[in-house]
Amino acid sequence: MIKKLSVLTLLTPLLFTQTSLAYNVSNQAENTANYAVKTYKKDMVNSLAKLVKHNTVAIDGTPSTKNPAHIAFKNELKAQAKHLGLDFKDDGYVVIIGLGKSTERIGIVTHGDIQPATPEKWKMSPFDLDLTSEPGKLIGRGTEDDKGPISTALYAMKAIKDKNITLNKRIELYVYMAEESDWGPLEEYIKSHSLPQTNITIDAEYPVVTAEKGYGTISLTFTKKTIKSKSPYLNGFTGGFFGSQIPEDATATIKNANVELLQKLMDRAKAYTNINFDFTLTEGTLTVKALGKSAHSSKPEDGVNAITHLAELLSIIDWPMNTSGALVNFINTKLGTGLYGKKFGDIAFSDDFMGPMTVSPTVIKQLKSGVQLNINIRRPRGKQTELLQQQINEAIQQWQIQNNFILSDVKQSVREPWVQKDLPHVKTLLKVFSHYTGIKNAKPISIGGGTNSRLFPNAVSFGPSMPNTEYTGHSEHEFITMKQFELNLKMYTAALVELAK
């Protein structure tokens, strides 16, 4: 999922009582959901372990259909579907696992590809399901985003099959293999294939997601420019891993450093309580490393951005305007450690339902032409795209003029926000959520991430993450709790029974 800042509206936990008929599910749905958890929770964990072992990261220049890990992953899905008595179809970038026969269909939309992981940051391999390091948690890349939901959907379908429930609608699980990297193949697939009339994406949050912010990227290349100086100057600044992750690592290299500068920075570092700094001074070269906390870039408040915090630490000096100095000065002037772009000219804005736009530097890349700073934005409705792009350009142009520094390349891509309205199955999903969580009066929400709900007809997102909890997808500590895994199985089973029977 390119996922996820949620804005909750009137979600108040209250004591649930079975007498509240408005939130009850049918006996058939309740019995099937209970059966699913009682019978298949261990099998569901085993299923997830087999899916997690495949490192299904996209390979640049290699289509999913030629990616060995993707091929192996789809073969595993085929084997699991056959074992569960479900039908299976491989359409290349898209796999469909189905139950029942009807022209009326319910689609469950997921993805099998993942974002990269840094193995040394994990207690066990991110591609081995870790059940022991932190009891009660299932740790591994894809456990929350989005292989865990695949396993949950498989066993929800299996429980429904076991109970011989007469389905008026066929259930189809769609697993797309490039959600994290390229939506183009899915867009082409949709043009030539018939899709289910009603769809549920299980790649976001509860209760029900009916709006998603628009994904955007601002890329600035700071021209290669060297200086000769006997005073301290920045010789390098790096950070980040991939574009949709809040970076937890950043490193700065300072030439002509001395003990006095080292002491000033170390004293300043004591004021930070949410990030760690490491200092090494060797023969006049000071290396400063920052360790923050990774998070999905759609929920920057869940992380601690190492790039912005390291730049702020270094702001005790107005650095000479070579490549790295200009980069750090720009970050401090136009971004700071805030999350909402309030220093970036006039671009900041907010929507009452969708919340504020977020603006987060995520990756610094070393190019032949210089150093590229990539800034991830998630914009709500409420401002025309053309105006937002104009304001971005004006802020960048103003900085170049004020600092007499010309960027060698400026690019921006801003997608539209997405809002879904008045779908009849939203009420059913909210009823299921309230029944199993005790949270009454649940309302639809908006997220900062983007899911494939945008591409499927009559689609909304339903889980797998709970509101007001930290989302761990795209982080270096991705997990789903066993308690949540079981709760998801109950809710997905009940929802499918209610919608398809």
Protein backbone atom coordinates (compact mmCIF):
# COMPACT_ATOMS: atom_id res chain seq x y z
CA MET A 1 0.00 0.00 0.00
CA ILE A 2 1.29 3.55 -0.85
CA LYS A 3 -0.37 4.25 2.51
CA LYS A 4 -1.83 6.16 5.52
CA LEU A 5 -2.88 9.11 7.72
CA SER A 6 -6.36 8.54 9.13
CA VAL A 7 -8.79 11.23 10.21
CA LEU A 8 -11.34 9.75 12.61
CA THR A 9 -14.75 11.34 12.96
CA LEU A 10 -16.72 10.67 16.13
CA LEU A 11 -15.20 7.24 16.80
CA THR A 12 -16.04 6.76 20.47
CA PRO A 13 -15.38 3.37 22.11
CA LEU A 14 -18.46 2.29 24.05
CA LEU A 15 -19.40 -0.88 25.82
CA PHE A 16 -20.93 -3.28 23.30
CA THR A 17 -24.13 -5.13 24.16
CA GLN A 18 -25.80 -7.87 22.15
CA THR A 19 -29.12 -6.08 22.64
CA SER A 20 -28.01 -3.29 20.32
CA LEU A 21 -29.62 -4.77 17.22
CA ALA A 22 -28.34 -2.02 14.93
CA TYR A 23 -24.82 -3.38 15.32
CA ASN A 24 -25.60 -7.12 15.25
CA VAL A 25 -24.61 -9.39 12.38
CA SER A 26 -26.68 -12.36 11.32
CA ASN A 27 -26.40 -15.65 13.19
CA GLN A 28 -24.97 -17.24 10.07
CA ALA A 29 -22.23 -14.62 9.83
CA GLU A 30 -21.47 -14.85 13.55
CA ASN A 31 -21.29 -18.65 13.57
CA THR A 32 -19.09 -18.76 10.47
CA ALA A 33 -16.71 -16.13 11.84
CA ASN A 34 -16.36 -17.98 15.14
CA TYR A 35 -15.79 -21.23 13.27
CA ALA A 36 -13.08 -19.62 11.13
CA VAL A 37 -11.02 -18.49 14.12
CA LYS A 38 -11.55 -21.69 16.11
CA THR A 39 -10.61 -23.91 13.19
CA TYR A 40 -8.05 -22.02 11.14
CA LYS A 41 -6.04 -19.51 13.19
CA LYS A 42 -2.93 -21.76 13.18
CA ASP A 43 -3.33 -22.55 9.48
CA MET A 44 -3.62 -18.84 8.77
CA VAL A 45 -0.28 -18.22 10.52
CA ASN A 46 1.35 -21.04 8.54
CA SER A 47 -0.06 -19.56 5.34
CA LEU A 48 1.44 -16.17 6.17
CA ALA A 49 4.83 -17.70 6.97
CA LYS A 50 4.93 -19.28 3.51
CA LEU A 51 4.02 -15.97 1.84
CA VAL A 52 6.47 -13.84 3.85
CA LYS A 53 9.46 -15.96 2.81
CA HIS A 54 9.21 -14.64 -0.76
CA ASN A 55 11.03 -11.31 -1.20
CA THR A 56 8.53 -9.87 -3.65
CA VAL A 57 10.17 -6.47 -4.09
CA ALA A 58 10.01 -5.11 -7.64
CA ILE A 59 13.22 -5.41 -9.69
CA ASP A 60 13.98 -2.36 -11.83
CA GLY A 61 13.70 -3.23 -15.51
CA THR A 62 12.12 -6.64 -14.83
CA PRO A 63 8.35 -7.06 -15.20
CA SER A 64 6.52 -8.92 -12.46
CA THR A 65 5.85 -11.78 -14.86
CA LYS A 66 9.62 -12.35 -15.18
CA ASN A 67 10.54 -11.70 -11.54
CA PRO A 68 11.56 -15.08 -10.02
CA ALA A 69 10.32 -14.16 -6.53
CA HIS A 70 6.95 -13.06 -7.93
CA ILE A 71 6.61 -16.29 -9.91
CA ALA A 72 7.44 -18.37 -6.82
CA PHE A 73 4.99 -16.35 -4.73
CA LYS A 74 2.17 -16.93 -7.22
CA ASN A 75 2.97 -20.64 -7.27
CA GLU A 76 2.63 -20.65 -3.48
CA LEU A 77 -0.74 -18.89 -3.76
CA LYS A 78 -1.84 -21.48 -6.32
CA ALA A 79 -0.85 -24.32 -4.01
CA GLN A 80 -2.68 -22.75 -1.06
CA ALA A 81 -5.81 -22.07 -3.12
CA LYS A 82 -5.86 -25.67 -4.39
CA HIS A 83 -5.40 -26.99 -0.84
CA LEU A 84 -8.37 -24.91 0.34
CA GLY A 85 -10.59 -25.97 -2.53
CA LEU A 86 -10.69 -22.52 -4.12
CA ASP A 87 -10.32 -21.83 -7.84
CA PHE A 88 -7.23 -20.04 -9.10
CA LYS A 89 -6.39 -17.97 -12.17
CA ASP A 90 -3.05 -16.37 -13.03
CA ASP A 91 -3.47 -13.37 -15.32
CA GLY A 92 0.15 -12.26 -15.13
CA TYR A 93 0.26 -9.18 -12.93
CA VAL A 94 -3.07 -10.19 -11.39
CA VAL A 95 -4.01 -13.40 -9.60
CA ILE A 96 -7.68 -14.23 -8.89
CA ILE A 97 -8.71 -16.76 -6.25
CA GLY A 98 -12.43 -17.47 -6.24
CA LEU A 99 -15.30 -19.17 -4.46
CA GLY A 100 -18.75 -19.78 -5.92
CA LYS A 101 -20.43 -19.23 -9.28
CA SER A 102 -22.51 -16.19 -10.09
CA THR A 103 -22.53 -13.25 -12.45
CA GLU A 104 -22.85 -11.05 -9.37
CA ARG A 105 -19.48 -10.79 -7.63
CA ILE A 106 -17.81 -9.40 -4.52
CA GLY A 107 -14.14 -8.48 -5.01
CA ILE A 108 -11.50 -8.48 -2.27
CA VAL A 109 -8.53 -6.41 -3.43
CA THR A 110 -4.99 -6.97 -2.10
CA HIS A 111 -1.40 -7.00 -3.33
CA GLY A 112 1.46 -9.47 -3.08
CA ASP A 113 4.43 -7.20 -3.70
CA ILE A 114 6.27 -5.47 -0.86
CA GLN A 115 8.63 -2.59 -0.15
CA PRO A 116 12.34 -3.27 0.54
CA ALA A 117 13.61 -4.15 4.01
CA THR A 118 17.05 -3.74 5.58
CA PRO A 119 17.81 -7.17 7.10
CA GLU A 120 20.32 -5.94 9.68
CA LYS A 121 17.60 -3.81 11.28
CA TRP A 122 15.47 -6.86 12.11
CA LYS A 123 15.97 -9.33 14.98
CA MET A 124 15.35 -12.13 12.50
CA SER A 125 15.26 -12.06 8.72
CA PRO A 126 12.36 -9.90 7.50
CA PHE A 127 11.55 -12.86 5.24
CA ASP A 128 11.15 -15.36 8.06
CA LEU A 129 7.95 -14.95 10.05
CA ASP A 130 9.16 -14.11 13.56
CA LEU A 131 6.79 -15.39 16.25
CA THR A 132 9.20 -15.38 19.19
CA SER A 133 11.10 -12.09 19.44
CA GLU A 134 8.04 -10.24 20.73
CA PRO A 135 5.37 -12.68 21.92
CA GLY A 136 1.96 -11.87 20.55
CA LYS A 137 3.34 -10.24 17.38
CA LEU A 138 3.86 -11.73 13.93
CA ILE A 139 6.89 -9.83 12.61
CA GLY A 140 8.04 -9.77 9.01
CA ARG A 141 7.90 -7.77 5.81
CA GLY A 142 4.37 -7.90 4.46
CA THR A 143 2.67 -9.06 7.65
CA GLU A 144 0.51 -5.93 7.71
CA ASP A 145 0.98 -4.74 4.13
CA ASP A 146 -0.37 -6.86 2.50
CA LYS A 147 0.41 -10.57 2.83
CA GLY A 148 -1.28 -10.90 6.21
CA PRO A 149 -4.60 -9.77 4.72
CA ILE A 150 -4.18 -12.28 1.86
CA SER A 151 -3.92 -15.16 4.33
CA THR A 152 -6.89 -13.80 6.26
CA ALA A 153 -9.05 -13.58 3.13
CA LEU A 154 -8.11 -17.12 2.08
CA TYR A 155 -9.28 -18.60 5.35
CA ALA A 156 -12.40 -16.46 5.49
CA MET A 157 -13.31 -17.95 2.11
CA LYS A 158 -12.40 -21.45 3.33
CA ALA A 159 -14.67 -21.13 6.39
CA ILE A 160 -17.56 -20.01 4.18
CA LYS A 161 -16.92 -22.97 1.89
CA ASP A 162 -16.83 -25.40 4.83
CA LYS A 163 -20.20 -24.17 6.08
CA ASN A 164 -21.78 -24.75 2.65
CA ILE A 165 -23.31 -21.30 2.71
CA THR A 166 -25.40 -20.62 -0.38
CA LEU A 167 -23.81 -17.63 -2.06
CA ASN A 168 -25.83 -15.30 -4.25
CA LYS A 169 -22.58 -13.59 -5.22
CA ARG A 170 -19.25 -15.11 -6.18
CA ILE A 171 -16.30 -14.07 -4.00
CA GLU A 172 -13.06 -13.19 -5.80
CA LEU A 173 -9.74 -12.35 -4.15
CA TYR A 174 -7.62 -10.12 -6.41
CA VAL A 175 -3.86 -10.14 -5.71
CA TYR A 176 -2.00 -7.50 -7.73
CA MET A 177 1.77 -7.86 -7.99
CA ALA A 178 2.94 -4.26 -8.51
CA GLU A 179 0.89 -2.08 -6.16
CA GLU A 180 4.00 -0.70 -4.46
CA SER A 181 5.80 0.19 -7.70
CA ASP A 182 3.65 0.56 -10.81
CA TRP A 183 -0.11 0.83 -11.19
CA GLY A 184 0.13 0.90 -15.00
CA PRO A 185 -0.29 -2.85 -15.61
CA LEU A 186 -3.39 -2.93 -13.40
CA GLU A 187 -4.88 0.05 -15.21
CA GLU A 188 -4.36 -1.77 -18.51
CA TYR A 189 -5.78 -5.00 -17.10
CA ILE A 190 -8.94 -3.25 -15.99
CA LYS A 191 -9.58 -1.91 -19.49
CA SER A 192 -9.98 -5.42 -20.91
CA HIS A 193 -11.41 -7.42 -18.00
CA SER A 194 -14.76 -7.51 -16.26
CA LEU A 195 -14.48 -6.65 -12.57
CA PRO A 196 -16.74 -7.45 -9.61
CA GLN A 197 -19.64 -5.06 -9.16
CA THR A 198 -18.83 -4.48 -5.47
CA ASN A 199 -15.30 -4.37 -4.06
CA ILE A 200 -13.50 -4.24 -0.71
CA THR A 201 -9.83 -3.36 -0.50
CA ILE A 202 -8.09 -4.83 2.55
CA ASP A 203 -4.97 -2.66 2.42
CA ALA A 204 -5.76 0.26 4.71
CA GLU A 205 -7.62 0.90 7.97
CA TYR A 206 -10.92 0.40 9.76
CA PRO A 207 -13.72 1.30 10.07
CA VAL A 208 -14.24 2.03 6.33
CA VAL A 209 -12.06 4.22 4.12
CA THR A 210 -14.01 6.33 1.67
CA ALA A 211 -11.35 8.95 0.84
CA GLU A 212 -7.62 8.91 0.09
CA LYS A 213 -5.20 11.77 -0.27
CA GLY A 214 -3.39 12.32 -3.53
CA TYR A 215 0.21 11.08 -3.71
CA GLY A 216 2.86 13.54 -4.86
CA THR A 217 6.61 13.86 -5.27
CA ILE A 218 8.86 16.91 -5.47
CA SER A 219 12.38 16.13 -6.71
CA LEU A 220 15.12 18.75 -6.48
CA THR A 221 18.65 18.20 -7.79
CA PHE A 222 21.30 20.30 -6.10
CA THR A 223 24.01 21.01 -8.65
CA LYS A 224 27.49 19.65 -8.09
CA LYS A 225 29.45 22.52 -6.61
CA THR A 226 32.69 22.32 -4.66
CA ILE A 227 34.40 24.92 -2.50
CA LYS A 228 37.85 25.56 -1.09
CA SER A 229 37.72 26.65 2.51
CA LYS A 230 39.65 26.35 5.74
CA SER A 231 36.43 26.76 7.71
CA PRO A 232 34.02 23.88 8.36
CA TYR A 233 31.87 22.90 5.41
CA LEU A 234 29.51 20.04 4.59
CA ASN A 235 31.15 17.48 2.35
CA GLY A 236 28.22 15.05 2.25
CA PHE A 237 24.65 14.51 3.39
CA THR A 238 22.75 11.30 2.75
CA GLY A 239 19.60 9.64 4.05
CA GLY A 240 16.51 7.59 3.34
CA PHE A 241 15.71 4.24 1.77
CA PHE A 242 12.65 4.54 -0.48
CA GLY A 243 10.08 7.16 -1.34
CA SER A 244 7.14 6.03 0.76
CA GLN A 245 9.10 5.51 3.98
CA ILE A 246 9.90 8.15 6.60
CA PRO A 247 13.69 7.76 6.81
CA GLU A 248 15.24 6.59 10.04
CA ASP A 249 18.86 6.97 8.86
CA ALA A 250 20.82 10.03 7.77
CA THR A 251 24.53 10.88 7.72
CA ALA A 252 26.42 14.16 7.40
CA THR A 253 30.15 14.61 6.77
CA ILE A 254 31.83 17.88 7.81
CA LYS A 255 35.31 18.84 6.64
CA ASN A 256 37.66 21.14 8.60
CA ALA A 257 35.83 20.21 11.80
CA ASN A 258 37.40 20.64 15.22
CA VAL A 259 36.72 19.68 18.82
CA GLU A 260 34.90 22.96 19.47
CA LEU A 261 32.35 22.26 16.71
CA LEU A 262 32.00 18.68 17.89
CA GLN A 263 31.21 19.85 21.41
CA LYS A 264 28.62 22.36 20.22
CA LEU A 265 26.81 19.71 18.23
CA MET A 266 26.98 17.18 21.06
CA ASP A 267 25.57 19.74 23.49
CA ARG A 268 22.77 20.59 21.05
CA ALA A 269 22.00 16.90 20.56
CA LYS A 270 21.14 16.53 24.26
CA ALA A 271 17.93 18.47 23.68
CA TYR A 272 16.56 15.73 21.40
CA THR A 273 14.65 12.96 23.12
CA ASN A 274 13.22 11.07 20.13
CA ILE A 275 16.32 10.57 17.97
CA ASN A 276 19.88 9.37 18.52
CA PHE A 277 23.02 10.98 17.15
CA ASP A 278 26.47 9.43 16.82
CA PHE A 279 29.62 11.54 16.35
CA THR A 280 33.05 10.54 15.01
CA LEU A 281 35.88 13.06 14.57
CA THR A 282 38.92 11.81 12.65
CA GLU A 283 41.69 14.07 11.33
CA GLY A 284 39.44 17.06 10.82
CA THR A 285 36.49 15.12 9.36
CA LEU A 286 33.39 14.91 11.53
CA THR A 287 30.80 12.29 10.69
CA VAL A 288 27.38 12.67 12.30
CA LYS A 289 24.84 9.86 12.05
CA ALA A 290 21.19 10.16 12.98
CA LEU A 291 18.92 7.26 13.88
CA GLY A 292 15.23 8.13 13.92
CA LYS A 293 12.23 5.88 13.38
CA SER A 294 10.89 4.65 10.06
CA ALA A 295 7.19 4.80 9.22
CA HIS A 296 4.87 4.85 6.23
CA SER A 297 5.24 8.27 4.63
CA SER A 298 1.46 8.73 4.65
CA LYS A 299 1.64 8.69 8.46
CA PRO A 300 4.74 10.81 9.17
CA GLU A 301 3.59 11.42 12.74
CA ASP A 302 4.32 7.72 13.43
CA GLY A 303 8.00 8.16 12.59
CA VAL A 304 10.96 10.40 13.38
CA ASN A 305 12.52 11.79 10.21
CA ALA A 306 16.29 11.42 10.42
CA ILE A 307 16.88 13.73 7.45
CA THR A 308 15.05 16.74 8.85
CA HIS A 309 16.27 16.25 12.42
CA LEU A 310 19.91 15.92 11.38
CA ALA A 311 19.59 19.03 9.22
CA GLU A 312 18.10 20.90 12.17
CA LEU A 313 20.94 19.77 14.43
CA LEU A 314 23.39 21.23 11.92
CA SER A 315 21.53 24.55 11.69
CA ILE A 316 23.92 26.17 14.16
CA ILE A 317 25.92 27.09 11.04
CA ASP A 318 24.71 28.80 7.88
CA TRP A 319 26.65 26.42 5.68
CA PRO A 320 28.70 27.47 2.63
CA MET A 321 26.62 26.87 -0.49
CA ASN A 322 28.33 23.91 -2.04
CA THR A 323 26.11 20.93 -2.96
CA SER A 324 25.58 19.49 0.52
CA GLY A 325 25.53 22.88 2.23
CA ALA A 326 22.79 24.14 -0.09
CA LEU A 327 20.83 20.92 0.46
CA VAL A 328 20.89 21.24 4.26
CA ASN A 329 20.15 24.96 4.15
CA PHE A 330 17.14 24.26 1.91
CA ILE A 331 15.80 21.57 4.24
CA ASN A 332 16.06 23.89 7.23
CA THR A 333 14.57 26.88 5.42
CA LYS A 334 11.72 25.24 3.51
CA LEU A 335 10.92 22.07 5.44
CA GLY A 336 12.17 22.05 9.02
CA THR A 337 10.99 19.23 11.25
CA GLY A 338 7.31 20.04 10.73
CA LEU A 339 5.04 17.67 8.86
CA TYR A 340 2.62 19.92 7.00
CA GLY A 341 4.64 22.17 4.68
CA LYS A 342 4.04 25.35 6.64
CA LYS A 343 7.52 26.69 5.78
CA PHE A 344 7.21 25.78 2.09
CA GLY A 345 5.74 28.97 0.74
CA ASP A 346 1.93 28.93 0.57
CA ILE A 347 1.41 25.24 -0.11
CA ALA A 348 0.04 24.20 3.31
CA PHE A 349 -3.71 23.54 3.52
CA SER A 350 -6.19 21.19 5.15
CA ASP A 351 -9.65 19.67 4.68
CA ASP A 352 -12.11 19.11 7.52
CA PHE A 353 -12.59 15.43 6.61
CA MET A 354 -9.32 14.48 4.91
CA GLY A 355 -7.02 16.43 7.21
CA PRO A 356 -3.85 18.41 6.38
CA MET A 357 -1.45 17.91 3.52
CA THR A 358 1.76 16.24 4.69
CA VAL A 359 5.19 17.14 3.30
CA SER A 360 8.10 14.81 4.10
CA PRO A 361 11.60 14.46 2.65
CA THR A 362 12.13 10.72 2.25
CA VAL A 363 15.18 9.95 0.08
CA ILE A 364 18.42 11.69 -0.87
CA LYS A 365 19.99 10.19 -3.99
CA GLN A 366 23.50 10.66 -5.33
CA LEU A 367 23.40 11.45 -9.06
CA LYS A 368 26.06 12.24 -11.63
CA SER A 369 24.61 15.74 -11.93
CA GLY A 370 24.45 16.36 -8.18
CA VAL A 371 22.37 15.33 -5.17
CA GLN A 372 18.63 14.75 -5.50
CA LEU A 373 16.24 15.47 -2.63
CA ASN A 374 12.90 13.66 -2.93
CA ILE A 375 9.96 15.05 -0.97
CA ASN A 376 6.78 13.00 -0.55
CA ILE A 377 3.48 14.86 -0.29
CA ARG A 378 -0.05 13.62 0.47
CA ARG A 379 -2.64 16.22 -0.44
CA PRO A 380 -6.34 16.34 0.51
CA ARG A 381 -9.14 17.89 -1.50
CA GLY A 382 -9.66 21.63 -1.25
CA LYS A 383 -7.01 23.12 -3.55
CA GLN A 384 -6.75 22.94 -7.33
CA THR A 385 -3.78 20.89 -8.55
CA GLU A 386 -2.63 23.70 -10.83
CA LEU A 387 -2.57 26.16 -7.93
CA LEU A 388 -0.67 23.74 -5.69
CA GLN A 389 1.92 23.12 -8.41
CA GLN A 390 2.27 26.86 -8.97
CA GLN A 391 2.82 27.47 -5.24
CA ILE A 392 5.43 24.71 -5.09
CA ASN A 393 7.34 26.22 -8.01
CA GLU A 394 7.12 29.73 -6.54
CA ALA A 395 8.57 28.58 -3.21
CA ILE A 396 11.45 26.81 -4.93
CA GLN A 397 12.14 29.74 -7.25
CA GLN A 398 12.11 32.17 -4.34
CA TRP A 399 14.67 30.09 -2.46
CA GLN A 400 16.99 29.94 -5.49
CA ILE A 401 16.89 33.71 -5.92
CA GLN A 402 17.40 34.45 -2.24
CA ASN A 403 20.34 32.06 -1.99
CA ASN A 404 21.89 32.63 -5.42
CA PHE A 405 21.88 28.89 -6.04
CA ILE A 406 20.41 27.36 -9.19
CA LEU A 407 19.03 23.83 -8.93
CA SER A 408 20.01 21.72 -11.92
CA ASP A 409 16.65 19.96 -12.06
CA VAL A 410 13.20 20.46 -10.53
CA LYS A 411 10.39 17.96 -11.00
CA GLN A 412 7.02 17.48 -9.40
CA SER A 413 4.17 15.01 -9.74
CA VAL A 414 0.89 15.61 -7.93
CA ARG A 415 -2.02 13.17 -8.11
CA GLU A 416 -5.63 13.93 -7.36
CA PRO A 417 -7.29 12.99 -4.06
CA TRP A 418 -10.01 10.34 -4.25
CA VAL A 419 -13.41 10.40 -2.55
CA GLN A 420 -16.09 7.71 -2.67
CA LYS A 421 -19.70 8.48 -1.78
CA ASP A 422 -22.96 6.70 -1.07
CA LEU A 423 -22.08 3.02 -1.52
CA PRO A 424 -24.65 0.65 0.00
CA HIS A 425 -22.14 -1.89 1.38
CA VAL A 426 -20.51 0.75 3.60
CA LYS A 427 -23.36 0.32 6.11
CA THR A 428 -22.79 -3.43 6.24
CA LEU A 429 -19.06 -3.02 6.82
CA LEU A 430 -19.63 -0.44 9.57
CA LYS A 431 -22.13 -2.81 11.22
CA VAL A 432 -19.58 -5.65 11.18
CA PHE A 433 -16.86 -3.39 12.57
CA SER A 434 -19.06 -2.13 15.41
CA HIS A 435 -20.26 -5.64 16.25
CA TYR A 436 -16.77 -7.04 16.70
CA THR A 437 -15.01 -4.03 18.24
CA GLY A 438 -17.71 -2.47 20.42
CA ILE A 439 -17.06 0.89 18.78
CA LYS A 440 -20.51 2.30 18.06
CA ASN A 441 -21.44 5.13 15.73
CA ALA A 442 -18.38 4.33 13.58
CA LYS A 443 -18.02 6.66 10.62
CA PRO A 444 -16.11 6.43 7.34
CA ILE A 445 -12.59 7.87 7.42
CA SER A 446 -9.95 9.30 5.13
CA ILE A 447 -6.35 8.09 4.86
CA GLY A 448 -3.14 9.57 3.52
CA GLY A 449 -2.20 6.46 1.56
CA GLY A 450 -3.40 5.37 -1.84
CA THR A 451 -4.91 1.94 -2.45
CA ASN A 452 -6.23 0.15 -5.52
CA SER A 453 -9.74 1.09 -4.37
CA ARG A 454 -9.34 3.99 -6.80
CA LEU A 455 -9.28 1.61 -9.76
CA PHE A 456 -12.05 -0.84 -8.87
CA PRO A 457 -15.77 -0.06 -9.20
CA ASN A 458 -17.72 0.66 -6.04
CA ALA A 459 -14.70 0.04 -3.82
CA VAL A 460 -13.89 1.06 -0.26
CA SER A 461 -11.18 -0.12 2.12
CA PHE A 462 -11.89 -2.24 5.19
CA GLY A 463 -8.87 -2.81 7.45
CA PRO A 464 -6.59 -4.53 8.25
CA SER A 465 -5.32 -1.87 10.71
CA MET A 466 -7.25 -0.51 13.66
CA PRO A 467 -7.89 3.22 14.12
CA ASN A 468 -5.67 5.11 16.54
CA THR A 469 -2.92 2.48 16.37
CA GLU A 470 0.51 2.77 14.82
CA TYR A 471 0.68 1.48 11.27
CA THR A 472 3.88 -0.54 10.74
CA GLY A 473 3.78 -1.25 7.01
CA HIS A 474 6.84 0.17 5.17
CA SER A 475 8.71 0.43 8.48
CA GLU A 476 11.73 -1.59 9.60
CA HIS A 477 9.59 -3.18 12.30
CA GLU A 478 6.53 -4.39 10.45
CA PHE A 479 4.17 -6.67 12.34
CA ILE A 480 0.60 -7.60 13.03
CA THR A 481 -0.51 -8.78 16.44
CA MET A 482 -2.03 -12.23 16.75
CA LYS A 483 -5.04 -10.63 18.41
CA GLN A 484 -5.58 -8.36 15.39
CA PHE A 485 -4.94 -11.21 12.96
CA GLU A 486 -7.76 -13.20 14.56
CA LEU A 487 -10.07 -10.19 14.77
CA ASN A 488 -9.51 -9.52 11.07
CA LEU A 489 -10.45 -13.11 10.26
CA LYS A 490 -13.70 -12.70 12.17
CA MET A 491 -14.58 -9.40 10.54
CA TYR A 492 -13.65 -10.45 6.99
CA THR A 493 -15.56 -13.71 7.31
CA ALA A 494 -18.67 -12.03 8.70
CA ALA A 495 -18.54 -9.23 6.11
CA LEU A 496 -18.28 -11.66 3.20
CA VAL A 497 -21.15 -13.75 4.53
CA GLU A 498 -23.36 -10.69 4.90
CA LEU A 499 -22.49 -9.31 1.45
CA ALA A 500 -22.43 -12.52 -0.59
CA LYS A 501 -25.14 -14.74 0.89
